[in-house]
Structures are given as structure tokens and as C-alpha cells.
């Protein structure tokens, strides 16, 4: 990832993937992981105060989805994420 932030890399990947159609987050994850295996390491959990909260990279994807939603680039219909044209 040529010096760009993880979030900017995930933003581009999410927008790229959603150009092909709306997806659920669980369906987006493996595609993003396939595009950026270097950033999607399943061996790293998000741990806060000794409690495990799933894969760290999935949390990055989730916060990136929220950032794109705030920017008005994608929307969530309760099931799937859609690109806003």
C-alpha cells in the first residue's frame, strides 16, 4: 500500500467492489481480503482490556464503511451496502 493510510486503501477497495453491485458486509469481507491480503491478517485480533473483539482488519473495514457513509458515497439499507451514484 504505497504510503497511503489503511483507511484510504480500504475506501478505494470498498468503492471498487460496490461498483459491481450492493453487498452485505459479510460478503464484502472476503473480497476485500482477497484484494489486500497484506492488510487483512486473520491472525491479528482486536483486543481491548484483554477481551477479543474479532479480527482487527474487519474493524478497519467497518469504520471505513461508516466514514464512506458519512461522506455520502455509500448507503446501507439495513442489509446491503450500496454505492451512491
PDB file of N, CA and C in Angstrom:
ATOM      1  N   UNK A   1       0.869  -1.192   0.000  1.00  0.00           N
ATOM      2  CA  UNK A   1       0.000   0.000   0.000  1.00  0.00           C
ATOM      3  C   UNK A   1       0.895   1.228   0.000  1.00  0.00           C
ATOM      4  N   UNK A   2       1.259   1.681  -1.129  1.00  0.00           N
ATOM      5  CA  UNK A   2       2.224   2.748  -1.428  1.00  0.00           C
ATOM      6  C   UNK A   2       2.146   4.012  -0.563  1.00  0.00           C
ATOM      7  N   UNK A   3       2.276   3.868   0.747  1.00  0.00           N
ATOM      8  CA  UNK A   3       2.315   5.045   1.612  1.00  0.00           C
ATOM      9  C   UNK A   3       0.958   5.616   1.974  1.00  0.00           C
ATOM     10  N   UNK A   4      -0.116   5.088   1.407  1.00  0.00           N
ATOM     11  CA  UNK A   4      -1.447   5.587   1.766  1.00  0.00           C
ATOM     12  C   UNK A   4      -1.893   4.956   3.078  1.00  0.00           C
ATOM     13  N   UNK A   5      -2.812   5.635   3.759  1.00  0.00           N
ATOM     14  CA  UNK A   5      -3.332   5.094   5.016  1.00  0.00           C
ATOM     15  C   UNK A   5      -4.147   3.835   4.731  1.00  0.00           C
ATOM     16  N   UNK A   6      -4.266   2.992   5.747  1.00  0.00           N
ATOM     17  CA  UNK A   6      -5.082   1.787   5.627  1.00  0.00           C
ATOM     18  C   UNK A   6      -6.504   2.171   5.233  1.00  0.00           C
ATOM     19  N   UNK A   7      -7.037   3.222   5.858  1.00  0.00           N
ATOM     20  CA  UNK A   7      -8.406   3.602   5.550  1.00  0.00           C
ATOM     21  C   UNK A   7      -8.555   4.052   4.088  1.00  0.00           C
ATOM     22  N   UNK A   8      -7.585   4.794   3.570  1.00  0.00           N
ATOM     23  CA  UNK A   8      -7.719   5.224   2.174  1.00  0.00           C
ATOM     24  C   UNK A   8      -7.657   4.027   1.226  1.00  0.00           C
ATOM     25  N   UNK A   9      -6.837   3.037   1.558  1.00  0.00           N
ATOM     26  CA  UNK A   9      -6.767   1.811   0.745  1.00  0.00           C
ATOM     27  C   UNK A   9      -8.102   1.070   0.813  1.00  0.00           C
ATOM     28  N   UNK A  10      -8.668   0.938   2.022  1.00  0.00           N
ATOM     29  CA  UNK A  10      -9.960   0.261   2.172  1.00  0.00           C
ATOM     30  C   UNK A  10     -11.077   1.055   1.499  1.00  0.00           C
ATOM     31  N   UNK A  11     -11.021   2.377   1.551  1.00  0.00           N
ATOM     32  CA  UNK A  11     -12.048   3.199   0.877  1.00  0.00           C
ATOM     33  C   UNK A  11     -12.075   2.883  -0.606  1.00  0.00           C
ATOM     34  N   UNK A  12     -10.909   2.920  -1.226  1.00  0.00           N
ATOM     35  CA  UNK A  12     -10.842   2.631  -2.664  1.00  0.00           C
ATOM     36  C   UNK A  12     -11.338   1.229  -2.966  1.00  0.00           C
ATOM     37  N   UNK A  13     -10.969   0.266  -2.137  1.00  0.00           N
ATOM     38  CA  UNK A  13     -11.375  -1.127  -2.358  1.00  0.00           C
ATOM     39  C   UNK A  13     -12.892  -1.282  -2.223  1.00  0.00           C
ATOM     40  N   UNK A  14     -13.475  -0.680  -1.199  1.00  0.00           N
ATOM     41  CA  UNK A  14     -14.926  -0.793  -0.973  1.00  0.00           C
ATOM     42  C   UNK A  14     -15.680  -0.156  -2.140  1.00  0.00           C
ATOM     43  N   UNK A  15     -15.280   1.038  -2.555  1.00  0.00           N
ATOM     44  CA  UNK A  15     -15.948   1.709  -3.675  1.00  0.00           C
ATOM     45  C   UNK A  15     -15.813   0.876  -4.954  1.00  0.00           C
ATOM     46  N   UNK A  16     -14.627   0.331  -5.173  1.00  0.00           N
ATOM     47  CA  UNK A  16     -14.364  -0.513  -6.340  1.00  0.00           C
ATOM     48  C   UNK A  16     -15.293  -1.737  -6.353  1.00  0.00           C
ATOM     49  N   UNK A  17     -15.394  -2.404  -5.209  1.00  0.00           N
ATOM     50  CA  UNK A  17     -16.204  -3.623  -5.124  1.00  0.00           C
ATOM     51  C   UNK A  17     -17.689  -3.300  -5.284  1.00  0.00           C
ATOM     52  N   UNK A  18     -18.146  -2.213  -4.663  1.00  0.00           N
ATOM     53  CA  UNK A  18     -19.574  -1.876  -4.719  1.00  0.00           C
ATOM     54  C   UNK A  18     -20.001  -1.351  -6.091  1.00  0.00           C
ATOM     55  N   UNK A  19     -19.045  -0.992  -6.959  1.00  0.00           N
ATOM     56  CA  UNK A  19     -19.389  -0.616  -8.332  1.00  0.00           C
ATOM     57  C   UNK A  19     -20.066  -1.776  -9.053  1.00  0.00           C
ATOM     58  N   UNK A  20     -19.772  -2.990  -8.635  1.00  0.00           N
ATOM     59  CA  UNK A  20     -20.324  -4.180  -9.270  1.00  0.00           C
ATOM     60  C   UNK A  20     -21.658  -4.603  -8.670  1.00  0.00           C
ATOM     61  N   UNK A  21     -22.119  -3.900  -7.638  1.00  0.00           N
ATOM     62  CA  UNK A  21     -23.413  -4.229  -7.037  1.00  0.00           C
ATOM     63  C   UNK A  21     -23.362  -4.185  -5.522  1.00  0.00           C
ATOM     64  N   UNK A  22     -24.549  -4.066  -4.929  1.00  0.00           N
ATOM     65  CA  UNK A  22     -24.683  -3.976  -3.479  1.00  0.00           C
ATOM     66  C   UNK A  22     -24.275  -5.296  -2.820  1.00  0.00           C
ATOM     67  N   UNK A  23     -23.678  -5.178  -1.610  1.00  0.00           N
ATOM     68  CA  UNK A  23     -23.227  -6.369  -0.883  1.00  0.00           C
ATOM     69  C   UNK A  23     -23.450  -6.215   0.615  1.00  0.00           C
ATOM     70  N   UNK A  24     -23.635  -7.346   1.268  1.00  0.00           N
ATOM     71  CA  UNK A  24     -23.634  -7.364   2.733  1.00  0.00           C
ATOM     72  C   UNK A  24     -22.186  -7.273   3.197  1.00  0.00           C
ATOM     73  N   UNK A  25     -21.990  -6.796   4.433  1.00  0.00           N
ATOM     74  CA  UNK A  25     -20.639  -6.684   4.988  1.00  0.00           C
ATOM     75  C   UNK A  25     -19.931  -8.038   4.975  1.00  0.00           C
ATOM     76  N   UNK A  26     -20.646  -9.101   5.346  1.00  0.00           N
ATOM     77  CA  UNK A  26     -20.010 -10.431   5.388  1.00  0.00           C
ATOM     78  C   UNK A  26     -19.572 -10.899   4.011  1.00  0.00           C
ATOM     79  N   UNK A  27     -20.230 -10.414   2.962  1.00  0.00           N
ATOM     80  CA  UNK A  27     -19.842 -10.773   1.603  1.00  0.00           C
ATOM     81  C   UNK A  27     -18.713  -9.878   1.093  1.00  0.00           C
ATOM     82  N   UNK A  28     -18.651  -8.671   1.631  1.00  0.00           N
ATOM     83  CA  UNK A  28     -17.594  -7.730   1.275  1.00  0.00           C
ATOM     84  C   UNK A  28     -16.241  -8.163   1.846  1.00  0.00           C
ATOM     85  N   UNK A  29     -16.250  -8.693   3.070  1.00  0.00           N
ATOM     86  CA  UNK A  29     -15.004  -9.059   3.755  1.00  0.00           C
ATOM     87  C   UNK A  29     -14.067  -9.943   2.926  1.00  0.00           C
ATOM     88  N   UNK A  30     -14.536 -11.106   2.415  1.00  0.00           N
ATOM     89  CA  UNK A  30     -13.591 -11.971   1.687  1.00  0.00           C
ATOM     90  C   UNK A  30     -13.048 -11.322   0.410  1.00  0.00           C
ATOM     91  N   UNK A  31     -13.858 -10.449  -0.216  1.00  0.00           N
ATOM     92  CA  UNK A  31     -13.396  -9.782  -1.437  1.00  0.00           C
ATOM     93  C   UNK A  31     -12.293  -8.787  -1.089  1.00  0.00           C
ATOM     94  N   UNK A  32     -12.520  -8.009  -0.032  1.00  0.00           N
ATOM     95  CA  UNK A  32     -11.505  -7.048   0.425  1.00  0.00           C
ATOM     96  C   UNK A  32     -10.234  -7.796   0.838  1.00  0.00           C
ATOM     97  N   UNK A  33     -10.404  -8.905   1.545  1.00  0.00           N
ATOM     98  CA  UNK A  33      -9.250  -9.692   1.994  1.00  0.00           C
ATOM     99  C   UNK A  33      -8.467 -10.233   0.797  1.00  0.00           C
ATOM    100  N   UNK A  34      -9.178 -10.616  -0.240  1.00  0.00           N
ATOM    101  CA  UNK A  34      -8.535 -11.114  -1.453  1.00  0.00           C
ATOM    102  C   UNK A  34      -7.772  -9.996  -2.172  1.00  0.00           C
ATOM    103  N   UNK A  35      -8.330  -8.783  -2.182  1.00  0.00           N
ATOM    104  CA  UNK A  35      -7.682  -7.639  -2.831  1.00  0.00           C
ATOM    105  C   UNK A  35      -6.454  -7.162  -2.053  1.00  0.00           C
ATOM    106  N   UNK A  36      -6.550  -7.225  -0.716  1.00  0.00           N
ATOM    107  CA  UNK A  36      -5.476  -6.687   0.134  1.00  0.00           C
ATOM    108  C   UNK A  36      -5.091  -7.665   1.247  1.00  0.00           C
ATOM    109  N   UNK A  37      -4.557  -8.827   0.875  1.00  0.00           N
ATOM    110  CA  UNK A  37      -4.193  -9.815   1.910  1.00  0.00           C
ATOM    111  C   UNK A  37      -3.172  -9.264   2.909  1.00  0.00           C
ATOM    112  N   UNK A  38      -2.352  -8.314   2.449  1.00  0.00           N
ATOM    113  CA  UNK A  38      -1.337  -7.705   3.321  1.00  0.00           C
ATOM    114  C   UNK A  38      -1.966  -6.930   4.477  1.00  0.00           C
ATOM    115  N   UNK A  39      -3.177  -6.401   4.275  1.00  0.00           N
ATOM    116  CA  UNK A  39      -3.846  -5.597   5.314  1.00  0.00           C
ATOM    117  C   UNK A  39      -4.893  -6.404   6.081  1.00  0.00           C
ATOM    118  N   UNK A  40      -5.184  -7.612   5.617  1.00  0.00           N
ATOM    119  CA  UNK A  40      -6.284  -8.399   6.190  1.00  0.00           C
ATOM    120  C   UNK A  40      -5.747  -9.676   6.826  1.00  0.00           C
ATOM    121  N   UNK A  41      -5.001  -9.516   7.883  1.00  0.00           N
ATOM    122  CA  UNK A  41      -4.341 -10.638   8.559  1.00  0.00           C
ATOM    123  C   UNK A  41      -5.275 -11.238   9.607  1.00  0.00           C
ATOM    124  N   UNK A  42      -5.755 -12.447   9.327  1.00  0.00           N
ATOM    125  CA  UNK A  42      -6.670 -13.125  10.257  1.00  0.00           C
ATOM    126  C   UNK A  42      -6.023 -13.528  11.572  1.00  0.00           C
ATOM    127  N   UNK A  43      -4.694 -13.432  11.664  1.00  0.00           N
ATOM    128  CA  UNK A  43      -4.044 -13.831  12.912  1.00  0.00           C
ATOM    129  C   UNK A  43      -4.039 -12.693  13.944  1.00  0.00           C
ATOM    130  N   UNK A  44      -4.471 -11.488  13.525  1.00  0.00           N
ATOM    131  CA  UNK A  44      -4.452 -10.348  14.454  1.00  0.00           C
ATOM    132  C   UNK A  44      -5.871 -10.012  14.899  1.00  0.00           C
ATOM    133  N   UNK A  45      -6.131 -10.225  16.180  1.00  0.00           N
ATOM    134  CA  UNK A  45      -7.423  -9.889  16.761  1.00  0.00           C
ATOM    135  C   UNK A  45      -7.382  -8.478  17.319  1.00  0.00           C
ATOM    136  N   UNK A  46      -8.563  -7.872  17.388  1.00  0.00           N
ATOM    137  CA  UNK A  46      -8.686  -6.599  18.081  1.00  0.00           C
ATOM    138  C   UNK A  46      -8.928  -6.945  19.548  1.00  0.00           C
ATOM    139  N   UNK A  47      -7.990  -6.536  20.410  1.00  0.00           N
ATOM    140  CA  UNK A  47      -8.072  -6.861  21.831  1.00  0.00           C
ATOM    141  C   UNK A  47      -8.111  -5.559  22.625  1.00  0.00           C
ATOM    142  N   UNK A  48      -9.144  -5.420  23.447  1.00  0.00           N
ATOM    143  CA  UNK A  48      -9.276  -4.243  24.317  1.00  0.00           C
ATOM    144  C   UNK A  48      -9.439  -4.752  25.743  1.00  0.00           C
ATOM    145  N   UNK A  49      -8.534  -4.324  26.608  1.00  0.00           N
ATOM    146  CA  UNK A  49      -8.557  -4.760  28.010  1.00  0.00           C
ATOM    147  C   UNK A  49      -8.665  -6.278  28.139  1.00  0.00           C
ATOM    148  N   UNK A  50      -7.911  -6.980  27.299  1.00  0.00           N
ATOM    149  CA  UNK A  50      -7.878  -8.438  27.379  1.00  0.00           C
ATOM    150  C   UNK A  50      -9.056  -9.144  26.729  1.00  0.00           C
ATOM    151  N   UNK A  51     -10.044  -8.380  26.222  1.00  0.00           N
ATOM    152  CA  UNK A  51     -11.205  -9.000  25.566  1.00  0.00           C
ATOM    153  C   UNK A  51     -11.019  -8.974  24.051  1.00  0.00           C
ATOM    154  N   UNK A  52     -11.372 -10.066  23.406  1.00  0.00           N
ATOM    155  CA  UNK A  52     -11.222 -10.170  21.952  1.00  0.00           C
ATOM    156  C   UNK A  52     -12.497  -9.699  21.256  1.00  0.00           C
ATOM    157  N   UNK A  53     -12.317  -8.865  20.245  1.00  0.00           N
ATOM    158  CA  UNK A  53     -13.449  -8.307  19.508  1.00  0.00           C
ATOM    159  C   UNK A  53     -13.359  -8.610  18.018  1.00  0.00           C
ATOM    160  N   UNK A  54     -12.942  -9.805  17.667  1.00  0.00           N
ATOM    161  CA  UNK A  54     -12.876 -10.184  16.262  1.00  0.00           C
ATOM    162  C   UNK A  54     -11.596  -9.718  15.587  1.00  0.00           C
ATOM    163  N   UNK A  55     -11.554  -9.888  14.301  1.00  0.00           N
ATOM    164  CA  UNK A  55     -10.350  -9.569  13.525  1.00  0.00           C
ATOM    165  C   UNK A  55     -10.172  -8.068  13.407  1.00  0.00           C
ATOM    166  N   UNK A  56      -8.954  -7.623  13.651  1.00  0.00           N
ATOM    167  CA  UNK A  56      -8.675  -6.186  13.617  1.00  0.00           C
ATOM    168  C   UNK A  56      -8.986  -5.576  12.253  1.00  0.00           C
ATOM    169  N   UNK A  57      -8.626  -6.265  11.177  1.00  0.00           N
ATOM    170  CA  UNK A  57      -8.855  -5.703   9.843  1.00  0.00           C
ATOM    171  C   UNK A  57     -10.338  -5.542   9.542  1.00  0.00           C
ATOM    172  N   UNK A  58     -11.200  -6.415  10.081  1.00  0.00           N
ATOM    173  CA  UNK A  58     -12.648  -6.283   9.848  1.00  0.00           C
ATOM    174  C   UNK A  58     -13.183  -5.028  10.536  1.00  0.00           C
ATOM    175  N   UNK A  59     -12.591  -4.675  11.671  1.00  0.00           N
ATOM    176  CA  UNK A  59     -12.971  -3.421  12.339  1.00  0.00           C
ATOM    177  C   UNK A  59     -12.558  -2.227  11.492  1.00  0.00           C
ATOM    178  N   UNK A  60     -11.383  -2.326  10.850  1.00  0.00           N
ATOM    179  CA  UNK A  60     -10.953  -1.251   9.944  1.00  0.00           C
ATOM    180  C   UNK A  60     -11.934  -1.106   8.778  1.00  0.00           C
ATOM    181  N   UNK A  61     -12.360  -2.230   8.208  1.00  0.00           N
ATOM    182  CA  UNK A  61     -13.314  -2.194   7.094  1.00  0.00           C
ATOM    183  C   UNK A  61     -14.619  -1.555   7.554  1.00  0.00           C
ATOM    184  N   UNK A  62     -15.090  -1.949   8.726  1.00  0.00           N
ATOM    185  CA  UNK A  62     -16.348  -1.433   9.266  1.00  0.00           C
ATOM    186  C   UNK A  62     -16.263   0.084   9.487  1.00  0.00           C
ATOM    187  N   UNK A  63     -15.191   0.565  10.089  1.00  0.00           N
ATOM    188  CA  UNK A  63     -15.085   2.006  10.313  1.00  0.00           C
ATOM    189  C   UNK A  63     -14.925   2.753   8.988  1.00  0.00           C
ATOM    190  N   UNK A  64     -14.310   2.105   8.005  1.00  0.00           N
ATOM    191  CA  UNK A  64     -14.203   2.720   6.678  1.00  0.00           C
ATOM    192  C   UNK A  64     -15.580   2.810   6.017  1.00  0.00           C
ATOM    193  N   UNK A  65     -16.405   1.778   6.190  1.00  0.00           N
ATOM    194  CA  UNK A  65     -17.771   1.836   5.656  1.00  0.00           C
ATOM    195  C   UNK A  65     -18.514   3.022   6.275  1.00  0.00           C
ATOM    196  N   UNK A  66     -18.370   3.202   7.583  1.00  0.00           N
ATOM    197  CA  UNK A  66     -19.052   4.307   8.257  1.00  0.00           C
ATOM    198  C   UNK A  66     -18.540   5.657   7.753  1.00  0.00           C
ATOM    199  N   UNK A  67     -17.239   5.760   7.522  1.00  0.00           N
ATOM    200  CA  UNK A  67     -16.664   7.005   7.006  1.00  0.00           C
ATOM    201  C   UNK A  67     -17.220   7.308   5.613  1.00  0.00           C
ATOM    202  N   UNK A  68     -17.289   6.302   4.747  1.00  0.00           N
ATOM    203  CA  UNK A  68     -17.833   6.494   3.401  1.00  0.00           C
ATOM    204  C   UNK A  68     -19.313   6.873   3.463  1.00  0.00           C
ATOM    205  N   UNK A  69     -20.030   6.293   4.431  1.00  0.00           N
ATOM    206  CA  UNK A  69     -21.449   6.620   4.609  1.00  0.00           C
ATOM    207  C   UNK A  69     -21.596   8.093   5.014  1.00  0.00           C
ATOM    208  N   UNK A  70     -20.768   8.539   5.973  1.00  0.00           N
ATOM    209  CA  UNK A  70     -20.806   9.953   6.395  1.00  0.00           C
ATOM    210  C   UNK A  70     -20.466  10.897   5.242  1.00  0.00           C
ATOM    211  N   UNK A  71     -19.591  10.447   4.356  1.00  0.00           N
ATOM    212  CA  UNK A  71     -19.188  11.266   3.203  1.00  0.00           C
ATOM    213  C   UNK A  71     -20.234  11.238   2.085  1.00  0.00           C
ATOM    214  N   UNK A  72     -21.277  10.420   2.254  1.00  0.00           N
ATOM    215  CA  UNK A  72     -22.328  10.352   1.243  1.00  0.00           C
ATOM    216  C   UNK A  72     -21.951   9.546   0.011  1.00  0.00           C
ATOM    217  N   UNK A  73     -20.961   8.671   0.145  1.00  0.00           N
ATOM    218  CA  UNK A  73     -20.510   7.878  -1.012  1.00  0.00           C
ATOM    219  C   UNK A  73     -21.168   6.502  -1.083  1.00  0.00           C
ATOM    220  N   UNK A  74     -21.567   5.974   0.076  1.00  0.00           N
ATOM    221  CA  UNK A  74     -22.275   4.694   0.112  1.00  0.00           C
ATOM    222  C   UNK A  74     -23.432   4.817   1.100  1.00  0.00           C
ATOM    223  N   UNK A  75     -24.408   3.913   0.969  1.00  0.00           N
ATOM    224  CA  UNK A  75     -25.515   3.881   1.928  1.00  0.00           C
ATOM    225  C   UNK A  75     -25.789   2.436   2.319  1.00  0.00           C
ATOM    226  N   UNK A  76     -26.431   2.288   3.472  1.00  0.00           N
ATOM    227  CA  UNK A  76     -26.765   0.960   3.992  1.00  0.00           C
ATOM    228  C   UNK A  76     -28.280   0.886   4.101  1.00  0.00           C
ATOM    229  N   UNK A  77     -28.876  -0.152   3.536  1.00  0.00           N
ATOM    230  CA  UNK A  77     -30.342  -0.263   3.542  1.00  0.00           C
ATOM    231  C   UNK A  77     -30.866  -1.187   4.639  1.00  0.00           C
ATOM    232  N   UNK A  78     -29.992  -1.526   5.584  1.00  0.00           N
ATOM    233  CA  UNK A  78     -30.392  -2.458   6.641  1.00  0.00           C
ATOM    234  C   UNK A  78     -29.918  -3.877   6.363  1.00  0.00           C
ATOM    235  N   UNK A  79     -29.520  -4.117   5.122  1.00  0.00           N
ATOM    236  CA  UNK A  79     -28.997  -5.435   4.756  1.00  0.00           C
ATOM    237  C   UNK A  79     -27.719  -5.326   3.929  1.00  0.00           C
ATOM    238  N   UNK A  80     -27.746  -4.450   2.921  1.00  0.00           N
ATOM    239  CA  UNK A  80     -26.618  -4.352   1.997  1.00  0.00           C
ATOM    240  C   UNK A  80     -26.111  -2.920   1.897  1.00  0.00           C
ATOM    241  N   UNK A  81     -24.841  -2.818   1.499  1.00  0.00           N
ATOM    242  CA  UNK A  81     -24.207  -1.539   1.205  1.00  0.00           C
ATOM    243  C   UNK A  81     -24.342  -1.262  -0.275  1.00  0.00           C
ATOM    244  N   UNK A  82     -24.707  -0.013  -0.598  1.00  0.00           N
ATOM    245  CA  UNK A  82     -24.885   0.414  -1.982  1.00  0.00           C
ATOM    246  C   UNK A  82     -24.009   1.620  -2.262  1.00  0.00           C
ATOM    247  N   UNK A  83     -23.508   1.678  -3.491  1.00  0.00           N
ATOM    248  CA  UNK A  83     -22.785   2.859  -3.956  1.00  0.00           C
ATOM    249  C   UNK A  83     -23.819   3.943  -4.247  1.00  0.00           C
ATOM    250  N   UNK A  84     -23.546   5.183  -3.858  1.00  0.00           N
ATOM    251  CA  UNK A  84     -24.414   6.293  -4.206  1.00  0.00           C
ATOM    252  C   UNK A  84     -23.839   6.934  -5.467  1.00  0.00           C
ATOM    253  N   UNK A  85     -24.612   6.895  -6.567  1.00  0.00           N
ATOM    254  CA  UNK A  85     -24.095   7.422  -7.829  1.00  0.00           C
ATOM    255  C   UNK A  85     -23.842   8.936  -7.783  1.00  0.00           C
TER     256      UNK A  85
END
